[in-house]
Protein backbone atom coordinates (compact mmCIF):
# COMPACT_ATOMS: atom_id res chain seq x y z
CA MET A 1 -15.02 51.48 -31.04
CA LYS A 2 -15.68 51.31 -27.41
CA LYS A 3 -17.85 48.30 -27.83
CA VAL A 4 -15.06 46.46 -29.74
CA LEU A 5 -12.72 47.35 -26.91
CA VAL A 6 -15.11 46.09 -24.33
CA THR A 7 -15.79 42.96 -26.16
CA GLY A 8 -12.16 42.36 -26.75
CA PHE A 9 -11.52 42.92 -23.03
CA ILE A 10 -14.17 40.44 -22.05
CA LEU A 11 -12.74 37.79 -24.44
CA PHE A 12 -9.33 38.46 -22.96
CA LEU A 13 -10.68 37.98 -19.52
CA GLN A 14 -12.26 34.77 -20.36
CA GLY A 15 -8.85 33.49 -21.52
CA CYS A 16 -7.30 34.74 -18.38
CA TYR A 17 -7.84 32.19 -15.77
CA ILE A 18 -5.61 30.55 -13.28
CA TYR A 19 -4.12 27.49 -15.19
CA GLN A 20 -4.37 24.50 -13.12
CA PRO A 21 -2.82 21.74 -15.22
CA GLU A 22 -2.80 19.28 -12.35
CA LEU A 23 -6.67 19.53 -11.85
CA THR A 24 -7.34 19.33 -15.66
CA GLU A 25 -4.87 16.49 -16.10
CA ARG A 26 -6.26 14.56 -13.12
CA HIS A 27 -9.83 14.93 -14.50
CA LYS A 28 -8.68 13.70 -18.01
CA ALA A 29 -6.87 10.76 -16.41
CA LEU A 30 -9.88 9.71 -14.39
CA GLN A 31 -12.13 10.07 -17.44
CA LEU A 32 -9.77 7.77 -19.43
CA ILE A 33 -9.72 5.26 -16.49
CA ASP A 34 -13.61 5.15 -16.71
CA GLU A 35 -13.41 4.70 -20.48
CA GLY A 36 -10.99 2.02 -20.09
CA VAL A 37 -13.21 0.10 -17.78
CA VAL A 38 -15.98 0.36 -20.32
CA MET A 39 -13.71 -0.94 -23.07
CA LEU A 40 -12.45 -3.78 -20.72
CA ARG A 41 -16.09 -4.91 -19.95
CA GLN A 42 -16.77 -4.80 -23.81
CA GLY A 43 -13.77 -7.08 -24.38
CA ASP A 44 -11.78 -4.59 -26.34
CA LEU A 45 -8.50 -5.32 -24.64
CA GLU A 46 -6.27 -3.48 -27.17
CA GLU A 47 -8.05 -0.25 -26.77
CA ALA A 48 -8.58 -0.70 -23.10
CA GLU A 49 -4.82 -1.12 -22.69
CA ALA A 50 -4.04 1.93 -24.64
CA THR A 51 -6.51 4.00 -22.68
CA PHE A 52 -5.14 2.85 -19.37
CA GLU A 53 -1.56 3.57 -20.53
CA ALA A 54 -2.54 7.15 -21.53
CA ALA A 55 -4.31 7.57 -18.28
CA TYR A 56 -1.30 6.54 -16.29
CA GLU A 57 1.02 8.76 -18.28
CA ILE A 58 -1.26 11.79 -17.59
CA GLY A 59 -2.20 11.12 -14.02
CA ARG A 60 -0.12 8.33 -12.43
CA PHE A 61 -3.18 6.86 -10.80
CA ALA A 62 -3.11 3.37 -9.31
CA ALA A 63 -6.39 2.67 -11.00
CA ALA A 64 -4.77 2.91 -14.38
CA LEU A 65 -2.15 0.40 -13.48
CA ASP A 66 -4.84 -1.86 -11.97
CA GLY A 67 -6.76 -1.51 -15.30
CA LEU A 68 -3.59 -2.63 -17.22
CA GLY A 69 -3.26 -5.55 -14.82
CA SER A 70 -6.74 -6.54 -15.53
CA VAL A 71 -5.90 -6.56 -19.31
CA ALA A 72 -3.01 -8.69 -18.80
CA MET A 73 -4.90 -11.12 -16.53
CA LEU A 74 -7.63 -11.41 -19.17
CA ARG A 75 -4.92 -12.07 -21.79
CA GLY A 76 -3.46 -14.84 -19.52
CA GLU A 77 -0.26 -12.87 -18.93
CA HIS A 78 -0.24 -13.70 -15.15
CA GLU A 79 3.22 -12.60 -14.29
CA ARG A 80 2.67 -9.16 -15.86
CA ALA A 81 -0.74 -8.89 -14.26
CA GLU A 82 0.71 -9.61 -10.88
CA ARG A 83 3.40 -7.10 -11.27
CA LEU A 84 1.03 -4.44 -12.38
CA PHE A 85 -1.37 -5.15 -9.43
CA ARG A 86 1.54 -4.96 -6.87
CA THR A 87 2.76 -1.82 -8.51
CA ALA A 88 -0.67 -0.10 -8.38
CA TYR A 89 -0.88 -1.09 -4.55
CA ALA A 90 2.67 0.38 -4.07
CA VAL A 91 1.75 3.51 -5.81
CA ASP A 92 -1.40 3.91 -3.61
CA PRO A 93 -1.47 1.59 -0.61
CA SER A 94 -5.20 2.75 0.05
CA TYR A 95 -6.29 1.28 -3.37
CA ALA A 96 -7.82 -1.97 -2.34
CA ASN A 97 -8.94 -2.82 -5.86
CA ALA A 98 -5.40 -3.81 -6.59
CA LEU A 99 -5.37 -6.40 -3.75
CA GLY A 100 -8.85 -7.63 -4.76
CA ASN A 101 -7.76 -8.20 -8.42
CA LEU A 102 -4.43 -9.80 -7.25
CA ALA A 103 -6.61 -12.09 -5.06
CA LEU A 104 -8.76 -12.87 -8.12
CA LEU A 105 -5.53 -13.79 -10.09
CA LYS A 106 -4.16 -16.09 -7.34
CA GLU A 107 -7.65 -17.68 -7.33
CA GLN A 108 -7.40 -18.30 -11.09
CA GLN A 109 -3.90 -19.73 -10.52
CA GLY A 110 -5.16 -22.13 -7.91
CA ASN A 111 -3.18 -20.35 -5.10
CA LEU A 112 -6.18 -20.40 -2.82
CA GLU A 113 -4.70 -19.71 0.49
CA VAL A 114 -2.92 -16.59 -0.82
CA ALA A 115 -6.13 -15.58 -2.61
CA ASN A 116 -8.01 -15.84 0.71
CA GLN A 117 -5.41 -13.74 2.60
CA LEU A 118 -5.64 -11.14 -0.05
CA TYR A 119 -9.43 -10.97 -0.08
CA LEU A 120 -9.43 -10.58 3.70
CA GLN A 121 -6.69 -7.91 3.48
CA ALA A 122 -8.57 -5.96 0.73
CA LEU A 123 -11.80 -6.13 2.62
CA ALA A 124 -10.23 -5.15 5.82
CA GLN A 125 -8.84 -2.11 4.08
CA ASP A 126 -12.06 -1.22 2.14
CA PRO A 127 -15.07 -2.88 3.66
CA SER A 128 -17.42 -0.98 1.33
CA ASN A 129 -16.03 -2.23 -1.82
CA TYR A 130 -18.96 -4.27 -3.33
CA LYS A 131 -16.77 -5.69 -6.13
CA ILE A 132 -14.22 -7.21 -3.90
CA ARG A 133 -17.08 -8.65 -1.63
CA GLY A 134 -18.84 -10.09 -4.74
CA ASN A 135 -15.62 -11.85 -5.93
CA PHE A 136 -14.92 -13.00 -2.36
CA SER A 137 -18.40 -14.47 -2.04
CA VAL A 138 -17.95 -16.62 -5.14
CA PHE A 139 -14.52 -17.59 -3.88
CA LEU A 140 -16.10 -18.82 -0.54
CA ALA A 141 -18.79 -20.82 -2.38
CA GLU A 142 -16.43 -22.47 -4.96
CA TYR A 143 -13.18 -22.94 -3.26
CA LYS A 144 -13.40 -22.88 0.58
CA GLY A 145 -15.51 -25.90 0.87
CA GLU A 146 -17.67 -24.44 3.53
CA SER A 147 -21.41 -24.04 3.75
CA THR A 148 -22.66 -21.61 1.22
CA PHE A 149 -24.14 -19.77 4.15
CA TYR A 150 -21.05 -17.66 4.30
CA ALA A 151 -20.72 -17.03 0.75
CA LYS A 152 -24.39 -16.00 0.54
CA ARG A 153 -23.91 -13.76 3.62
CA GLU A 154 -20.94 -12.06 2.04
CA LEU A 155 -22.79 -11.60 -1.15
CA LEU A 156 -25.74 -9.87 0.77
CA LYS A 157 -23.20 -7.59 2.27
CA ALA A 158 -21.94 -6.67 -1.16
CA TRP A 159 -25.47 -6.08 -2.33
CA VAL A 160 -26.29 -3.93 0.70
CA VAL A 161 -23.14 -1.67 0.01
CA GLY A 162 -23.29 -1.56 -3.78
CA ARG A 163 -26.64 -2.64 -5.15
CA SER A 164 -24.94 -3.43 -8.57
CA PRO A 165 -26.61 -5.55 -11.10
CA LEU A 166 -23.28 -7.24 -11.58
CA LEU A 167 -23.77 -8.95 -8.32
CA ARG A 168 -26.65 -11.11 -9.78
CA HIS A 169 -24.08 -13.04 -11.73
CA ASN A 170 -22.29 -13.84 -8.57
CA GLN A 171 -25.66 -14.99 -6.97
CA ASP A 172 -26.12 -17.27 -9.87
CA GLN A 173 -22.55 -18.76 -9.41
CA ILE A 174 -23.04 -19.36 -5.72
CA ASN A 175 -26.46 -21.00 -6.25
CA ARG A 176 -24.91 -23.40 -8.76
CA SER A 177 -22.14 -24.35 -6.39
CA ASP A 178 -24.63 -25.13 -3.58
CA PRO A 179 -25.56 -28.84 -3.57
CA PHE A 180 -28.69 -28.07 -1.52
CA ASN A 181 -30.02 -25.27 -3.59
CA LYS A 182 -33.22 -26.28 -5.34
CA GLY A 183 -34.29 -22.87 -6.32
CA ASP A 184 -34.31 -19.25 -5.15
CA SER A 185 -35.69 -18.20 -1.84
CA HIS A 186 -39.26 -18.46 -3.02
CA GLY A 187 -38.88 -22.27 -3.81
CA GLU A 188 -38.85 -21.68 -7.64
CA GLU A 189 -36.31 -23.19 -9.88
CA SER A 190 -33.14 -21.09 -10.38
CA LYS A 191 -33.00 -19.56 -13.95
CA ASP A 192 -30.04 -18.07 -15.67
CA SER A 193 -30.96 -14.73 -17.37
């Protein structure tokens, strides 16, 4: 009988913890945002959208709104995407990704001066963001009409900060936009992988 009481008391104590719904909900929302990003990269826009919506309802994170804006941008819903990116930035003014994605949207719309200003603002706010730097490097190469030196320099800074394999794609884009590029730094022909 004593063993049953002790076991029962231990089980009771395991169930008695300080409930912190905010921490648990924050964790779940962040987990959903990560899952939404994966779905977005896989092209599953419907599920990504539902995941970002659920994440925002649970945690009210700017990243969830930013994810919804990315879904809208990929669907060609530019007005909705802009509204979501701006709302994400209003929810958390330290969240530079919203500015970076808004810059990308403006770039796609051909509003290059606004895109340039937004990229610079986002990088001033978060200079360690390799994704924004990577996108800005391609922007410099394709639209600024300057030497690709600046674009390659910006891409190198993105690589140093993030070392992401995603930056290889940006490098290929810059090399294709460089009329003087005859290959990589070793003199070999550039190859798309």
